[in-house]
ModelCIF file with pLDDT and N, C-alpha, C, O atoms, coordinates in Angstrom:
data_MODEL
#
_entry.id   MODEL 
#
_entity.id                         1 
_entity.type                       polymer 
_entity.pdbx_number_of_molecules   1 
#
_entity_poly.entity_id                      1 
_entity_poly.type                           'polypeptide(L)' 
_entity_poly.nstd_linkage                   no 
_entity_poly.nstd_monomer                   no 
_entity_poly.pdbx_seq_one_letter_code       FSLIESGEMNVTEAAITVGYSNISAFSTAFRKKYGVNPVKCRKKY 
_entity_poly.pdbx_seq_one_letter_code_can   FSLIESGEMNVTEAAITVGYSNISAFSTAFRKKYGVNPVKCRKKY 
_entity_poly.pdbx_strand_id                 A 
#
loop_
_entity_poly_seq.entity_id 
_entity_poly_seq.num 
_entity_poly_seq.mon_id 
_entity_poly_seq.hetero 
1 1  PHE n 
1 2  SER n 
1 3  LEU n 
1 4  ILE n 
1 5  GLU n 
1 6  SER n 
1 7  GLY n 
1 8  GLU n 
1 9  MET n 
1 10 ASN n 
1 11 VAL n 
1 12 THR n 
1 13 GLU n 
1 14 ALA n 
1 15 ALA n 
1 16 ILE n 
1 17 THR n 
1 18 VAL n 
1 19 GLY n 
1 20 TYR n 
1 21 SER n 
1 22 ASN n 
1 23 ILE n 
1 24 SER n 
1 25 ALA n 
1 26 PHE n 
1 27 SER n 
1 28 THR n 
1 29 ALA n 
1 30 PHE n 
1 31 ARG n 
1 32 LYS n 
1 33 LYS n 
1 34 TYR n 
1 35 GLY n 
1 36 VAL n 
1 37 ASN n 
1 38 PRO n 
1 39 VAL n 
1 40 LYS n 
1 41 CYS n 
1 42 ARG n 
1 43 LYS n 
1 44 LYS n 
1 45 TYR n 
#
_struct_asym.id          A 
_struct_asym.entity_id   1 
#
loop_
_ma_qa_metric.id 
_ma_qa_metric.mode 
_ma_qa_metric.name 
_ma_qa_metric.software_group_id 
_ma_qa_metric.type 
1 global pLDDT . pLDDT 
2 local  pLDDT . pLDDT 
#
_ma_qa_metric_global.metric_id      1 
_ma_qa_metric_global.metric_value   81.62 
_ma_qa_metric_global.model_id       1 
_ma_qa_metric_global.ordinal_id     1 
#
loop_
_ma_qa_metric_local.label_asym_id 
_ma_qa_metric_local.label_comp_id 
_ma_qa_metric_local.label_seq_id 
_ma_qa_metric_local.metric_id 
_ma_qa_metric_local.metric_value 
_ma_qa_metric_local.model_id 
_ma_qa_metric_local.ordinal_id 
A PHE 1  2 82.00 1 1  
A SER 2  2 75.00 1 2  
A LEU 3  2 81.00 1 3  
A ILE 4  2 83.00 1 4  
A GLU 5  2 73.00 1 5  
A SER 6  2 69.00 1 6  
A GLY 7  2 74.00 1 7  
A GLU 8  2 76.00 1 8  
A MET 9  2 83.00 1 9  
A ASN 10 2 87.00 1 10 
A VAL 11 2 89.00 1 11 
A THR 12 2 91.00 1 12 
A GLU 13 2 91.00 1 13 
A ALA 14 2 90.00 1 14 
A ALA 15 2 91.00 1 15 
A ILE 16 2 93.00 1 16 
A THR 17 2 91.00 1 17 
A VAL 18 2 91.00 1 18 
A GLY 19 2 92.00 1 19 
A TYR 20 2 92.00 1 20 
A SER 21 2 89.00 1 21 
A ASN 22 2 92.00 1 22 
A ILE 23 2 91.00 1 23 
A SER 24 2 91.00 1 24 
A ALA 25 2 92.00 1 25 
A PHE 26 2 92.00 1 26 
A SER 27 2 91.00 1 27 
A THR 28 2 91.00 1 28 
A ALA 29 2 90.00 1 29 
A PHE 30 2 89.00 1 30 
A ARG 31 2 85.00 1 31 
A LYS 32 2 84.00 1 32 
A LYS 33 2 81.00 1 33 
A TYR 34 2 76.00 1 34 
A GLY 35 2 77.00 1 35 
A VAL 36 2 79.00 1 36 
A ASN 37 2 84.00 1 37 
A PRO 38 2 86.00 1 38 
A VAL 39 2 83.00 1 39 
A LYS 40 2 78.00 1 40 
A CYS 41 2 73.00 1 41 
A ARG 42 2 58.00 1 42 
A LYS 43 2 52.00 1 43 
A LYS 44 2 43.00 1 44 
A TYR 45 2 32.00 1 45 
#
loop_
_atom_site.group_PDB 
_atom_site.id 
_atom_site.type_symbol 
_atom_site.label_atom_id 
_atom_site.label_alt_id 
_atom_site.label_comp_id 
_atom_site.label_asym_id 
_atom_site.label_entity_id 
_atom_site.label_seq_id 
_atom_site.pdbx_PDB_ins_code 
_atom_site.Cartn_x 
_atom_site.Cartn_y 
_atom_site.Cartn_z 
_atom_site.occupancy 
_atom_site.B_iso_or_equiv 
_atom_site.pdbx_formal_charge 
_atom_site.auth_seq_id 
_atom_site.auth_comp_id 
_atom_site.auth_asym_id 
_atom_site.auth_atom_id 
_atom_site.pdbx_PDB_model_num 
ATOM 1   N N  . PHE A 1 1  ? 0.705   -1.094  0.048   1.00 82.00 ? 1  PHE A N  1 
ATOM 2   C CA . PHE A 1 1  ? -0.019  0.021   0.002   1.00 82.00 ? 1  PHE A CA 1 
ATOM 3   C C  . PHE A 1 1  ? 0.748   1.308   -0.102  1.00 82.00 ? 1  PHE A C  1 
ATOM 4   O O  . PHE A 1 1  ? 0.505   2.234   -0.876  1.00 82.00 ? 1  PHE A O  1 
ATOM 5   N N  . SER A 1 2  ? 1.741   1.229   0.819   1.00 75.00 ? 2  SER A N  1 
ATOM 6   C CA . SER A 1 2  ? 2.851   2.314   1.001   1.00 75.00 ? 2  SER A CA 1 
ATOM 7   C C  . SER A 1 2  ? 3.534   2.711   -0.326  1.00 75.00 ? 2  SER A C  1 
ATOM 8   O O  . SER A 1 2  ? 3.682   3.877   -0.690  1.00 75.00 ? 2  SER A O  1 
ATOM 9   N N  . LEU A 1 3  ? 3.916   1.664   -0.979  1.00 81.00 ? 3  LEU A N  1 
ATOM 10  C CA . LEU A 1 3  ? 4.758   1.700   -2.200  1.00 81.00 ? 3  LEU A CA 1 
ATOM 11  C C  . LEU A 1 3  ? 3.877   2.157   -3.302  1.00 81.00 ? 3  LEU A C  1 
ATOM 12  O O  . LEU A 1 3  ? 4.321   2.986   -4.097  1.00 81.00 ? 3  LEU A O  1 
ATOM 13  N N  . ILE A 1 4  ? 2.684   1.702   -3.426  1.00 83.00 ? 4  ILE A N  1 
ATOM 14  C CA . ILE A 1 4  ? 1.658   2.084   -4.470  1.00 83.00 ? 4  ILE A CA 1 
ATOM 15  C C  . ILE A 1 4  ? 1.247   3.517   -4.185  1.00 83.00 ? 4  ILE A C  1 
ATOM 16  O O  . ILE A 1 4  ? 1.292   4.359   -5.081  1.00 83.00 ? 4  ILE A O  1 
ATOM 17  N N  . GLU A 1 5  ? 0.844   3.812   -2.948  1.00 73.00 ? 5  GLU A N  1 
ATOM 18  C CA . GLU A 1 5  ? 0.105   5.103   -2.701  1.00 73.00 ? 5  GLU A CA 1 
ATOM 19  C C  . GLU A 1 5  ? 1.167   6.091   -2.831  1.00 73.00 ? 5  GLU A C  1 
ATOM 20  O O  . GLU A 1 5  ? 0.825   7.128   -3.399  1.00 73.00 ? 5  GLU A O  1 
ATOM 21  N N  . SER A 1 6  ? 2.344   6.015   -2.449  1.00 69.00 ? 6  SER A N  1 
ATOM 22  C CA . SER A 1 6  ? 3.354   6.903   -2.582  1.00 69.00 ? 6  SER A CA 1 
ATOM 23  C C  . SER A 1 6  ? 3.829   7.305   -3.901  1.00 69.00 ? 6  SER A C  1 
ATOM 24  O O  . SER A 1 6  ? 4.541   8.285   -4.124  1.00 69.00 ? 6  SER A O  1 
ATOM 25  N N  . GLY A 1 7  ? 3.310   6.344   -4.891  1.00 74.00 ? 7  GLY A N  1 
ATOM 26  C CA . GLY A 1 7  ? 3.994   6.524   -6.257  1.00 74.00 ? 7  GLY A CA 1 
ATOM 27  C C  . GLY A 1 7  ? 5.156   6.026   -6.583  1.00 74.00 ? 7  GLY A C  1 
ATOM 28  O O  . GLY A 1 7  ? 5.602   6.203   -7.717  1.00 74.00 ? 7  GLY A O  1 
ATOM 29  N N  . GLU A 1 8  ? 5.873   5.280   -5.587  1.00 76.00 ? 8  GLU A N  1 
ATOM 30  C CA . GLU A 1 8  ? 7.237   4.899   -5.860  1.00 76.00 ? 8  GLU A CA 1 
ATOM 31  C C  . GLU A 1 8  ? 7.307   3.773   -6.764  1.00 76.00 ? 8  GLU A C  1 
ATOM 32  O O  . GLU A 1 8  ? 8.275   3.494   -7.471  1.00 76.00 ? 8  GLU A O  1 
ATOM 33  N N  . MET A 1 9  ? 6.043   3.047   -6.680  1.00 83.00 ? 9  MET A N  1 
ATOM 34  C CA . MET A 1 9  ? 6.130   1.785   -7.672  1.00 83.00 ? 9  MET A CA 1 
ATOM 35  C C  . MET A 1 9  ? 4.638   1.613   -8.279  1.00 83.00 ? 9  MET A C  1 
ATOM 36  O O  . MET A 1 9  ? 3.634   2.071   -7.733  1.00 83.00 ? 9  MET A O  1 
ATOM 37  N N  . ASN A 1 10 ? 4.647   0.916   -9.439  1.00 87.00 ? 10 ASN A N  1 
ATOM 38  C CA . ASN A 1 10 ? 3.286   0.492   -9.951  1.00 87.00 ? 10 ASN A CA 1 
ATOM 39  C C  . ASN A 1 10 ? 2.844   -0.680  -9.179  1.00 87.00 ? 10 ASN A C  1 
ATOM 40  O O  . ASN A 1 10 ? 3.526   -1.140  -8.263  1.00 87.00 ? 10 ASN A O  1 
ATOM 41  N N  . VAL A 1 11 ? 1.589   -1.218  -9.577  1.00 89.00 ? 11 VAL A N  1 
ATOM 42  C CA . VAL A 1 11 ? 1.118   -2.361  -8.785  1.00 89.00 ? 11 VAL A CA 1 
ATOM 43  C C  . VAL A 1 11 ? 1.900   -3.620  -9.033  1.00 89.00 ? 11 VAL A C  1 
ATOM 44  O O  . VAL A 1 11 ? 2.092   -4.391  -8.092  1.00 89.00 ? 11 VAL A O  1 
ATOM 45  N N  . THR A 1 12 ? 2.363   -3.881  -10.231 1.00 91.00 ? 12 THR A N  1 
ATOM 46  C CA . THR A 1 12 ? 3.137   -4.971  -10.548 1.00 91.00 ? 12 THR A CA 1 
ATOM 47  C C  . THR A 1 12 ? 4.470   -4.982  -9.751  1.00 91.00 ? 12 THR A C  1 
ATOM 48  O O  . THR A 1 12 ? 4.869   -5.982  -9.155  1.00 91.00 ? 12 THR A O  1 
ATOM 49  N N  . GLU A 1 13 ? 5.163   -3.733  -9.787  1.00 91.00 ? 13 GLU A N  1 
ATOM 50  C CA . GLU A 1 13 ? 6.507   -3.640  -9.008  1.00 91.00 ? 13 GLU A CA 1 
ATOM 51  C C  . GLU A 1 13 ? 6.207   -3.825  -7.672  1.00 91.00 ? 13 GLU A C  1 
ATOM 52  O O  . GLU A 1 13 ? 6.954   -4.623  -7.104  1.00 91.00 ? 13 GLU A O  1 
ATOM 53  N N  . ALA A 1 14 ? 5.246   -3.275  -6.932  1.00 90.00 ? 14 ALA A N  1 
ATOM 54  C CA . ALA A 1 14 ? 5.113   -3.345  -5.594  1.00 90.00 ? 14 ALA A CA 1 
ATOM 55  C C  . ALA A 1 14 ? 4.753   -4.843  -5.216  1.00 90.00 ? 14 ALA A C  1 
ATOM 56  O O  . ALA A 1 14 ? 5.385   -5.406  -4.322  1.00 90.00 ? 14 ALA A O  1 
ATOM 57  N N  . ALA A 1 15 ? 3.710   -5.499  -5.918  1.00 91.00 ? 15 ALA A N  1 
ATOM 58  C CA . ALA A 1 15 ? 3.360   -6.812  -5.742  1.00 91.00 ? 15 ALA A CA 1 
ATOM 59  C C  . ALA A 1 15 ? 4.684   -7.882  -5.600  1.00 91.00 ? 15 ALA A C  1 
ATOM 60  O O  . ALA A 1 15 ? 4.864   -8.655  -4.659  1.00 91.00 ? 15 ALA A O  1 
ATOM 61  N N  . ILE A 1 16 ? 5.485   -7.727  -6.691  1.00 93.00 ? 16 ILE A N  1 
ATOM 62  C CA . ILE A 1 16 ? 6.774   -8.519  -6.796  1.00 93.00 ? 16 ILE A CA 1 
ATOM 63  C C  . ILE A 1 16 ? 7.753   -8.064  -5.602  1.00 93.00 ? 16 ILE A C  1 
ATOM 64  O O  . ILE A 1 16 ? 8.378   -8.975  -5.058  1.00 93.00 ? 16 ILE A O  1 
ATOM 65  N N  . THR A 1 17 ? 7.927   -6.929  -5.200  1.00 91.00 ? 17 THR A N  1 
ATOM 66  C CA . THR A 1 17 ? 8.708   -6.399  -4.223  1.00 91.00 ? 17 THR A CA 1 
ATOM 67  C C  . THR A 1 17 ? 8.352   -6.919  -2.884  1.00 91.00 ? 17 THR A C  1 
ATOM 68  O O  . THR A 1 17 ? 9.220   -7.106  -2.032  1.00 91.00 ? 17 THR A O  1 
ATOM 69  N N  . VAL A 1 18 ? 6.947   -7.186  -2.650  1.00 91.00 ? 18 VAL A N  1 
ATOM 70  C CA . VAL A 1 18 ? 6.516   -7.805  -1.375  1.00 91.00 ? 18 VAL A CA 1 
ATOM 71  C C  . VAL A 1 18 ? 6.309   -9.180  -1.385  1.00 91.00 ? 18 VAL A C  1 
ATOM 72  O O  . VAL A 1 18 ? 5.790   -9.741  -0.419  1.00 91.00 ? 18 VAL A O  1 
ATOM 73  N N  . GLY A 1 19 ? 6.690   -9.818  -2.451  1.00 92.00 ? 19 GLY A N  1 
ATOM 74  C CA . GLY A 1 19 ? 6.656   -11.353 -2.644  1.00 92.00 ? 19 GLY A CA 1 
ATOM 75  C C  . GLY A 1 19 ? 5.552   -11.879 -3.328  1.00 92.00 ? 19 GLY A C  1 
ATOM 76  O O  . GLY A 1 19 ? 5.391   -13.096 -3.229  1.00 92.00 ? 19 GLY A O  1 
ATOM 77  N N  . TYR A 1 20 ? 4.778   -11.254 -3.981  1.00 92.00 ? 20 TYR A N  1 
ATOM 78  C CA . TYR A 1 20 ? 3.531   -11.867 -4.771  1.00 92.00 ? 20 TYR A CA 1 
ATOM 79  C C  . TYR A 1 20 ? 4.088   -12.136 -6.161  1.00 92.00 ? 20 TYR A C  1 
ATOM 80  O O  . TYR A 1 20 ? 4.585   -11.258 -6.867  1.00 92.00 ? 20 TYR A O  1 
ATOM 81  N N  . SER A 1 21 ? 3.969   -13.422 -6.501  1.00 89.00 ? 21 SER A N  1 
ATOM 82  C CA . SER A 1 21 ? 4.299   -13.600 -7.839  1.00 89.00 ? 21 SER A CA 1 
ATOM 83  C C  . SER A 1 21 ? 3.011   -13.723 -8.869  1.00 89.00 ? 21 SER A C  1 
ATOM 84  O O  . SER A 1 21 ? 3.110   -13.715 -10.096 1.00 89.00 ? 21 SER A O  1 
ATOM 85  N N  . ASN A 1 22 ? 1.720   -13.845 -8.079  1.00 92.00 ? 22 ASN A N  1 
ATOM 86  C CA . ASN A 1 22 ? 0.600   -13.939 -8.862  1.00 92.00 ? 22 ASN A CA 1 
ATOM 87  C C  . ASN A 1 22 ? -0.170  -12.685 -8.719  1.00 92.00 ? 22 ASN A C  1 
ATOM 88  O O  . ASN A 1 22 ? -0.889  -12.524 -7.733  1.00 92.00 ? 22 ASN A O  1 
ATOM 89  N N  . ILE A 1 23 ? -0.057  -11.747 -9.685  1.00 91.00 ? 23 ILE A N  1 
ATOM 90  C CA . ILE A 1 23 ? -0.557  -10.354 -9.584  1.00 91.00 ? 23 ILE A CA 1 
ATOM 91  C C  . ILE A 1 23 ? -2.176  -10.480 -9.275  1.00 91.00 ? 23 ILE A C  1 
ATOM 92  O O  . ILE A 1 23 ? -2.674  -9.724  -8.440  1.00 91.00 ? 23 ILE A O  1 
ATOM 93  N N  . SER A 1 24 ? -2.877  -11.326 -9.876  1.00 91.00 ? 24 SER A N  1 
ATOM 94  C CA . SER A 1 24 ? -4.286  -11.532 -9.630  1.00 91.00 ? 24 SER A CA 1 
ATOM 95  C C  . SER A 1 24 ? -4.601  -11.821 -8.070  1.00 91.00 ? 24 SER A C  1 
ATOM 96  O O  . SER A 1 24 ? -5.481  -11.184 -7.490  1.00 91.00 ? 24 SER A O  1 
ATOM 97  N N  . ALA A 1 25 ? -3.922  -12.702 -7.496  1.00 92.00 ? 25 ALA A N  1 
ATOM 98  C CA . ALA A 1 25 ? -3.899  -13.088 -6.084  1.00 92.00 ? 25 ALA A CA 1 
ATOM 99  C C  . ALA A 1 25 ? -3.578  -11.853 -5.236  1.00 92.00 ? 25 ALA A C  1 
ATOM 100 O O  . ALA A 1 25 ? -4.204  -11.610 -4.204  1.00 92.00 ? 25 ALA A O  1 
ATOM 101 N N  . PHE A 1 26 ? -2.605  -11.091 -5.688  1.00 92.00 ? 26 PHE A N  1 
ATOM 102 C CA . PHE A 1 26 ? -2.220  -9.794  -4.963  1.00 92.00 ? 26 PHE A CA 1 
ATOM 103 C C  . PHE A 1 26 ? -3.372  -8.953  -4.975  1.00 92.00 ? 26 PHE A C  1 
ATOM 104 O O  . PHE A 1 26 ? -3.827  -8.554  -3.902  1.00 92.00 ? 26 PHE A O  1 
ATOM 105 N N  . SER A 1 27 ? -3.924  -8.621  -6.113  1.00 91.00 ? 27 SER A N  1 
ATOM 106 C CA . SER A 1 27 ? -5.184  -7.742  -6.378  1.00 91.00 ? 27 SER A CA 1 
ATOM 107 C C  . SER A 1 27 ? -6.299  -7.933  -5.477  1.00 91.00 ? 27 SER A C  1 
ATOM 108 O O  . SER A 1 27 ? -6.809  -7.016  -4.833  1.00 91.00 ? 27 SER A O  1 
ATOM 109 N N  . THR A 1 28 ? -6.700  -9.248  -5.442  1.00 91.00 ? 28 THR A N  1 
ATOM 110 C CA . THR A 1 28 ? -7.623  -9.920  -4.552  1.00 91.00 ? 28 THR A CA 1 
ATOM 111 C C  . THR A 1 28 ? -7.395  -9.619  -3.039  1.00 91.00 ? 28 THR A C  1 
ATOM 112 O O  . THR A 1 28 ? -8.269  -9.147  -2.312  1.00 91.00 ? 28 THR A O  1 
ATOM 113 N N  . ALA A 1 29 ? -6.149  -9.934  -2.644  1.00 90.00 ? 29 ALA A N  1 
ATOM 114 C CA . ALA A 1 29 ? -6.001  -9.735  -1.301  1.00 90.00 ? 29 ALA A CA 1 
ATOM 115 C C  . ALA A 1 29 ? -5.953  -8.216  -0.763  1.00 90.00 ? 29 ALA A C  1 
ATOM 116 O O  . ALA A 1 29 ? -6.374  -7.834  0.329   1.00 90.00 ? 29 ALA A O  1 
ATOM 117 N N  . PHE A 1 30 ? -5.327  -7.405  -1.804  1.00 89.00 ? 30 PHE A N  1 
ATOM 118 C CA . PHE A 1 30 ? -5.326  -5.964  -1.516  1.00 89.00 ? 30 PHE A CA 1 
ATOM 119 C C  . PHE A 1 30 ? -6.807  -5.365  -1.536  1.00 89.00 ? 30 PHE A C  1 
ATOM 120 O O  . PHE A 1 30 ? -7.175  -4.603  -0.642  1.00 89.00 ? 30 PHE A O  1 
ATOM 121 N N  . ARG A 1 31 ? -7.583  -5.714  -2.519  1.00 85.00 ? 31 ARG A N  1 
ATOM 122 C CA . ARG A 1 31 ? -9.007  -5.076  -2.395  1.00 85.00 ? 31 ARG A CA 1 
ATOM 123 C C  . ARG A 1 31 ? -9.692  -5.734  -1.189  1.00 85.00 ? 31 ARG A C  1 
ATOM 124 O O  . ARG A 1 31 ? -10.415 -4.976  -0.543  1.00 85.00 ? 31 ARG A O  1 
ATOM 125 N N  . LYS A 1 32 ? -9.598  -7.023  -0.758  1.00 84.00 ? 32 LYS A N  1 
ATOM 126 C CA . LYS A 1 32 ? -10.158 -7.614  0.376   1.00 84.00 ? 32 LYS A CA 1 
ATOM 127 C C  . LYS A 1 32 ? -9.853  -6.642  1.761   1.00 84.00 ? 32 LYS A C  1 
ATOM 128 O O  . LYS A 1 32 ? -10.655 -6.384  2.659   1.00 84.00 ? 32 LYS A O  1 
ATOM 129 N N  . LYS A 1 33 ? -8.634  -6.255  1.655   1.00 81.00 ? 33 LYS A N  1 
ATOM 130 C CA . LYS A 1 33 ? -8.118  -5.566  2.919   1.00 81.00 ? 33 LYS A CA 1 
ATOM 131 C C  . LYS A 1 33 ? -8.521  -4.051  2.812   1.00 81.00 ? 33 LYS A C  1 
ATOM 132 O O  . LYS A 1 33 ? -9.129  -3.578  3.772   1.00 81.00 ? 33 LYS A O  1 
ATOM 133 N N  . TYR A 1 34 ? -8.266  -3.317  1.835   1.00 76.00 ? 34 TYR A N  1 
ATOM 134 C CA . TYR A 1 34 ? -8.525  -1.871  1.763   1.00 76.00 ? 34 TYR A CA 1 
ATOM 135 C C  . TYR A 1 34 ? -9.833  -1.592  0.856   1.00 76.00 ? 34 TYR A C  1 
ATOM 136 O O  . TYR A 1 34 ? -10.197 -0.420  0.770   1.00 76.00 ? 34 TYR A O  1 
ATOM 137 N N  . GLY A 1 35 ? -10.422 -2.395  0.306   1.00 77.00 ? 35 GLY A N  1 
ATOM 138 C CA . GLY A 1 35 ? -11.809 -2.095  -0.274  1.00 77.00 ? 35 GLY A CA 1 
ATOM 139 C C  . GLY A 1 35 ? -11.613 -1.380  -1.619  1.00 77.00 ? 35 GLY A C  1 
ATOM 140 O O  . GLY A 1 35 ? -12.583 -0.846  -2.158  1.00 77.00 ? 35 GLY A O  1 
ATOM 141 N N  . VAL A 1 36 ? -10.456 -1.350  -2.152  1.00 79.00 ? 36 VAL A N  1 
ATOM 142 C CA . VAL A 1 36 ? -10.344 -0.704  -3.487  1.00 79.00 ? 36 VAL A CA 1 
ATOM 143 C C  . VAL A 1 36 ? -9.288  -1.521  -4.220  1.00 79.00 ? 36 VAL A C  1 
ATOM 144 O O  . VAL A 1 36 ? -8.444  -2.158  -3.590  1.00 79.00 ? 36 VAL A O  1 
ATOM 145 N N  . ASN A 1 37 ? -9.333  -1.503  -5.572  1.00 84.00 ? 37 ASN A N  1 
ATOM 146 C CA . ASN A 1 37 ? -8.454  -2.156  -6.505  1.00 84.00 ? 37 ASN A CA 1 
ATOM 147 C C  . ASN A 1 37 ? -6.998  -1.452  -6.474  1.00 84.00 ? 37 ASN A C  1 
ATOM 148 O O  . ASN A 1 37 ? -6.948  -0.239  -6.679  1.00 84.00 ? 37 ASN A O  1 
ATOM 149 N N  . PRO A 1 38 ? -5.999  -2.063  -6.264  1.00 86.00 ? 38 PRO A N  1 
ATOM 150 C CA . PRO A 1 38 ? -4.640  -1.350  -6.200  1.00 86.00 ? 38 PRO A CA 1 
ATOM 151 C C  . PRO A 1 38 ? -4.354  -0.384  -7.284  1.00 86.00 ? 38 PRO A C  1 
ATOM 152 O O  . PRO A 1 38 ? -3.670  0.623   -7.100  1.00 86.00 ? 38 PRO A O  1 
ATOM 153 N N  . VAL A 1 39 ? -4.932  -0.734  -8.508  1.00 83.00 ? 39 VAL A N  1 
ATOM 154 C CA . VAL A 1 39 ? -4.559  0.290   -9.621  1.00 83.00 ? 39 VAL A CA 1 
ATOM 155 C C  . VAL A 1 39 ? -5.182  1.600   -9.244  1.00 83.00 ? 39 VAL A C  1 
ATOM 156 O O  . VAL A 1 39 ? -4.666  2.658   -9.604  1.00 83.00 ? 39 VAL A O  1 
ATOM 157 N N  . LYS A 1 40 ? -6.371  1.554   -8.468  1.00 78.00 ? 40 LYS A N  1 
ATOM 158 C CA . LYS A 1 40 ? -6.935  2.915   -8.155  1.00 78.00 ? 40 LYS A CA 1 
ATOM 159 C C  . LYS A 1 40 ? -6.539  3.570   -6.955  1.00 78.00 ? 40 LYS A C  1 
ATOM 160 O O  . LYS A 1 40 ? -7.019  4.653   -6.623  1.00 78.00 ? 40 LYS A O  1 
ATOM 161 N N  . CYS A 1 41 ? -5.589  2.890   -6.218  1.00 73.00 ? 41 CYS A N  1 
ATOM 162 C CA . CYS A 1 41 ? -4.888  3.335   -5.067  1.00 73.00 ? 41 CYS A CA 1 
ATOM 163 C C  . CYS A 1 41 ? -3.891  4.349   -5.506  1.00 73.00 ? 41 CYS A C  1 
ATOM 164 O O  . CYS A 1 41 ? -2.844  3.976   -6.035  1.00 73.00 ? 41 CYS A O  1 
ATOM 165 N N  . ARG A 1 42 ? -4.180  5.743   -5.300  1.00 58.00 ? 42 ARG A N  1 
ATOM 166 C CA . ARG A 1 42 ? -3.245  6.757   -5.593  1.00 58.00 ? 42 ARG A CA 1 
ATOM 167 C C  . ARG A 1 42 ? -3.397  7.821   -4.472  1.00 58.00 ? 42 ARG A C  1 
ATOM 168 O O  . ARG A 1 42 ? -4.462  7.914   -3.860  1.00 58.00 ? 42 ARG A O  1 
ATOM 169 N N  . LYS A 1 43 ? -2.421  8.562   -4.222  1.00 52.00 ? 43 LYS A N  1 
ATOM 170 C CA . LYS A 1 43 ? -2.530  9.551   -3.347  1.00 52.00 ? 43 LYS A CA 1 
ATOM 171 C C  . LYS A 1 43 ? -3.584  10.662  -3.655  1.00 52.00 ? 43 LYS A C  1 
ATOM 172 O O  . LYS A 1 43 ? -3.669  11.113  -4.798  1.00 52.00 ? 43 LYS A O  1 
ATOM 173 N N  . LYS A 1 44 ? -4.317  11.067  -2.734  1.00 43.00 ? 44 LYS A N  1 
ATOM 174 C CA . LYS A 1 44 ? -5.298  12.070  -2.862  1.00 43.00 ? 44 LYS A CA 1 
ATOM 175 C C  . LYS A 1 44 ? -5.015  13.347  -2.183  1.00 43.00 ? 44 LYS A C  1 
ATOM 176 O O  . LYS A 1 44 ? -5.404  14.445  -2.583  1.00 43.00 ? 44 LYS A O  1 
ATOM 177 N N  . TYR A 1 45 ? -4.237  13.104  -1.020  1.00 32.00 ? 45 TYR A N  1 
ATOM 178 C CA . TYR A 1 45 ? -4.161  14.327  -0.381  1.00 32.00 ? 45 TYR A CA 1 
ATOM 179 C C  . TYR A 1 45 ? -2.531  14.738  0.040   1.00 32.00 ? 45 TYR A C  1 
ATOM 180 O O  . TYR A 1 45 ? -2.291  15.799  0.616   1.00 32.00 ? 45 TYR A O  1 
#
């Protein structure tokens, strides 16, 4: 979340960095925890 939200990495880079090889599984886990798809997770404020 920190890597994506900060703009430091895109979704694929962040998923690989934290140990997810399956991007679909990562997106599902991310969406379940935060209620938003990681591609829509961007800094608002």
